[in-house]
Protein backbone atom coordinates (compact mmCIF):
# COMPACT_ATOMS: atom_id res chain seq x y z
CA UNK A 1 227.51 53.71 1.36
CA UNK A 2 230.37 54.87 -0.85
CA UNK A 3 231.91 53.23 -3.86
CA UNK A 4 233.29 49.79 -3.08
CA UNK A 5 236.68 48.77 -4.48
CA UNK A 6 238.58 45.56 -3.86
CA UNK A 7 242.00 47.10 -4.60
CA UNK A 8 243.72 50.41 -5.20
CA UNK A 9 242.79 51.65 -8.67
CA UNK A 10 244.28 54.36 -10.89
CA UNK A 11 241.86 57.25 -10.64
CA UNK A 12 242.25 60.96 -10.17
CA UNK A 13 240.57 64.14 -9.12
CA UNK A 14 240.66 67.70 -10.38
CA UNK A 15 241.61 70.93 -8.63
CA UNK A 16 238.01 71.74 -7.70
CA UNK A 17 237.61 68.34 -6.03
CA UNK A 18 240.84 68.77 -4.03
CA UNK A 19 239.76 72.26 -2.97
CA UNK A 20 236.45 70.84 -1.75
CA UNK A 21 237.87 67.68 -0.11
CA UNK A 22 240.63 69.50 1.78
CA UNK A 23 238.91 72.89 2.26
CA UNK A 24 241.75 74.62 0.45
CA UNK A 25 241.64 78.37 0.02
CA UNK A 26 243.71 80.84 -2.03
CA UNK A 27 246.26 81.18 0.79
CA UNK A 28 246.69 77.40 0.95
CA UNK A 29 247.28 77.25 -2.80
CA UNK A 30 250.12 79.78 -2.49
CA UNK A 31 252.02 77.46 -0.15
CA UNK A 32 254.11 74.51 -1.35
CA UNK A 33 252.00 71.36 -1.62
CA UNK A 34 253.24 67.80 -2.10
CA UNK A 35 250.56 65.53 -3.51
CA UNK A 36 251.75 62.10 -2.37
CA UNK A 37 249.98 59.35 -4.23
CA UNK A 38 248.82 61.92 -6.78
CA UNK A 39 248.07 59.21 -9.27
CA UNK A 40 246.19 60.33 -12.34
CA UNK A 41 244.74 63.46 -10.75
CA UNK A 42 244.79 66.65 -12.77
CA UNK A 43 245.09 68.63 -9.52
CA UNK A 44 248.82 69.25 -9.81
CA UNK A 45 248.68 70.29 -13.46
CA UNK A 46 245.72 72.60 -12.87
CA UNK A 47 247.21 74.15 -9.72
CA UNK A 48 250.62 74.54 -11.34
CA UNK A 49 249.00 76.28 -14.34
CA UNK A 50 247.58 78.82 -11.88
CA UNK A 51 251.02 79.40 -10.38
CA UNK A 52 250.63 77.20 -7.30
CA UNK A 53 253.84 75.49 -6.11
CA UNK A 54 252.51 71.92 -6.29
CA UNK A 55 254.47 68.73 -6.95
CA UNK A 56 252.99 65.24 -7.22
CA UNK A 57 254.65 61.88 -6.69
CA UNK A 58 253.29 58.40 -7.20
CA UNK A 59 254.79 55.00 -8.04
CA UNK A 60 252.47 54.82 -11.06
CA UNK A 61 254.56 57.53 -12.74
CA UNK A 62 257.18 54.85 -13.46
CA UNK A 63 254.81 53.33 -16.05
CA UNK A 64 254.00 54.51 -19.56
CA UNK A 65 250.58 55.74 -20.62
CA UNK A 66 250.19 52.54 -22.65
CA UNK A 67 250.83 50.47 -19.52
CA UNK A 68 248.39 52.50 -17.42
CA UNK A 69 245.52 52.77 -19.94
CA UNK A 70 244.17 49.20 -19.47
CA UNK A 71 244.13 49.68 -15.70
CA UNK A 72 242.18 52.92 -16.07
CA UNK A 73 239.64 51.18 -18.31
CA UNK A 74 239.25 48.34 -15.81
CA UNK A 75 238.77 50.86 -12.99
CA UNK A 76 236.26 52.82 -15.06
CA UNK A 77 234.20 49.68 -15.60
CA UNK A 78 234.16 49.08 -11.85
CA UNK A 79 233.58 52.66 -10.69
CA UNK A 80 231.19 54.26 -13.17
CA UNK A 81 228.26 51.85 -12.69
CA UNK A 82 228.45 52.52 -8.95
CA UNK A 83 228.53 56.29 -9.56
CA UNK A 84 225.52 56.07 -11.89
CA UNK A 85 223.64 53.98 -9.33
CA UNK A 86 224.29 56.49 -6.58
CA UNK A 87 223.23 59.36 -8.84
CA UNK A 88 220.09 57.51 -9.85
CA UNK A 89 221.09 57.60 -13.51
């Protein structure tokens, strides 16, 4: 069973995770990509730094870092114990 969440939480994934999840290859990363609901993922920043034409959009971008930080902390408290449990840590 995967991680259980009772609502949408601010969380993100990195370039390597996107590549794995979506089976992206070098050719894919040369094409324009729109990351809808990109949230707090570093994917767009990492891909863009490598020259990939990636743009992210998400309603959360309307909020400041100070507004988002408490939501990230609340999500971390909900997610990380489940991750540790699944990893046997």
